[in-house]
């Protein structure tokens, strides 16, 4: 009898939103902490692993040009939601 091996299961990342249809899409809402180099690198690794497993990735950028303690402007929120709406249509 050949040996059997259990596949290790682990969580790669937890998406802020997940849409099974139409694209197995993981949506990540990224705020100012994602400006840090180490966070960006970690995000890239996680997204690569998720893509390899067949998931789509949609990062919503709420961090570019926004400081850590600065509120996210309403017009940026509206813009990102409109971009997402167009993406999934």
Protein backbone atom coordinates (compact mmCIF):
# COMPACT_ATOMS: atom_id res chain seq x y z
CA UNK A 1 0.00 0.00 0.00
CA UNK A 2 1.35 3.41 -0.97
CA UNK A 3 1.64 6.02 1.76
CA UNK A 4 -0.97 8.74 1.80
CA UNK A 5 -0.28 12.31 2.66
CA UNK A 6 -2.68 14.87 4.02
CA UNK A 7 -2.70 18.17 2.22
CA UNK A 8 -2.07 21.01 4.61
CA UNK A 9 -4.89 23.53 4.53
CA UNK A 10 -4.24 27.11 5.49
CA UNK A 11 -5.78 30.51 4.96
CA UNK A 12 -3.89 32.62 2.42
CA UNK A 13 -5.85 35.80 3.11
CA UNK A 14 -9.30 36.98 4.08
CA UNK A 15 -10.95 39.11 1.41
CA UNK A 16 -13.10 42.03 2.44
CA UNK A 17 -15.70 40.82 -0.08
CA UNK A 18 -16.00 37.64 -2.11
CA UNK A 19 -18.12 37.10 -5.21
CA UNK A 20 -18.42 33.48 -6.28
CA UNK A 21 -20.08 34.47 -9.52
CA UNK A 22 -19.09 35.41 -12.10
CA UNK A 23 -15.36 35.23 -11.36
CA UNK A 24 -14.51 33.77 -7.92
CA UNK A 25 -13.52 37.33 -7.16
CA UNK A 26 -11.75 38.43 -3.99
CA UNK A 27 -12.12 42.14 -3.30
CA UNK A 28 -9.60 43.79 -1.02
CA UNK A 29 -10.35 47.27 0.33
CA UNK A 30 -6.87 48.63 0.98
CA UNK A 31 -6.47 51.72 3.14
CA UNK A 32 -3.41 53.77 4.18
CA UNK A 33 -1.61 50.92 6.03
CA UNK A 34 -1.08 49.35 2.59
CA UNK A 35 1.36 52.17 1.73
CA UNK A 36 4.04 50.45 3.81
CA UNK A 37 6.60 48.51 1.77
CA UNK A 38 6.34 45.34 3.85
CA UNK A 39 2.54 45.35 3.59
CA UNK A 40 2.70 45.86 -0.20
CA UNK A 41 5.12 42.95 -0.54
CA UNK A 42 2.93 40.72 1.62
CA UNK A 43 -0.16 41.72 -0.40
CA UNK A 44 1.62 40.82 -3.65
CA UNK A 45 2.60 37.37 -2.34
CA UNK A 46 -0.94 36.63 -1.16
CA UNK A 47 -2.50 37.80 -4.43
CA UNK A 48 -0.08 35.67 -6.43
CA UNK A 49 -1.03 32.58 -4.39
CA UNK A 50 -4.73 33.31 -4.78
CA UNK A 51 -4.39 33.77 -8.56
CA UNK A 52 -2.51 30.46 -8.78
CA UNK A 53 -5.53 28.83 -7.12
CA UNK A 54 -7.88 30.35 -9.69
CA UNK A 55 -9.24 33.34 -7.80
CA UNK A 56 -9.67 36.76 -9.34
CA UNK A 57 -8.30 39.71 -7.40
CA UNK A 58 -9.75 43.20 -7.29
CA UNK A 59 -7.88 45.62 -5.01
CA UNK A 60 -9.74 48.81 -4.18
CA UNK A 61 -7.03 51.40 -3.66
CA UNK A 62 -7.93 53.74 -0.83
CA UNK A 63 -4.30 54.36 0.11
CA UNK A 64 -2.44 56.03 -2.75
CA UNK A 65 -1.73 59.64 -1.82
CA UNK A 66 -3.61 59.33 1.49
CA UNK A 67 -1.78 59.68 4.77
CA UNK A 68 -2.24 57.24 7.66
CA UNK A 69 -4.64 59.38 9.72
CA UNK A 70 -6.28 61.24 6.84
CA UNK A 71 -9.95 60.46 6.17
CA UNK A 72 -10.77 58.98 2.78
CA UNK A 73 -12.52 61.63 0.68
CA UNK A 74 -16.10 60.91 -0.39
CA UNK A 75 -15.29 61.56 -4.03
CA UNK A 76 -12.60 58.86 -3.94
CA UNK A 77 -15.05 56.37 -2.43
CA UNK A 78 -17.59 57.15 -5.15
CA UNK A 79 -14.90 56.83 -7.84
CA UNK A 80 -13.69 53.43 -6.58
CA UNK A 81 -17.24 52.08 -6.30
CA UNK A 82 -17.99 53.22 -9.85
CA UNK A 83 -14.80 51.56 -11.11
CA UNK A 84 -15.79 48.33 -9.37
CA UNK A 85 -19.32 48.48 -10.75
CA UNK A 86 -17.91 48.82 -14.26
CA UNK A 87 -15.46 45.97 -13.65
CA UNK A 88 -18.09 43.44 -12.62
CA UNK A 89 -20.62 44.47 -15.28
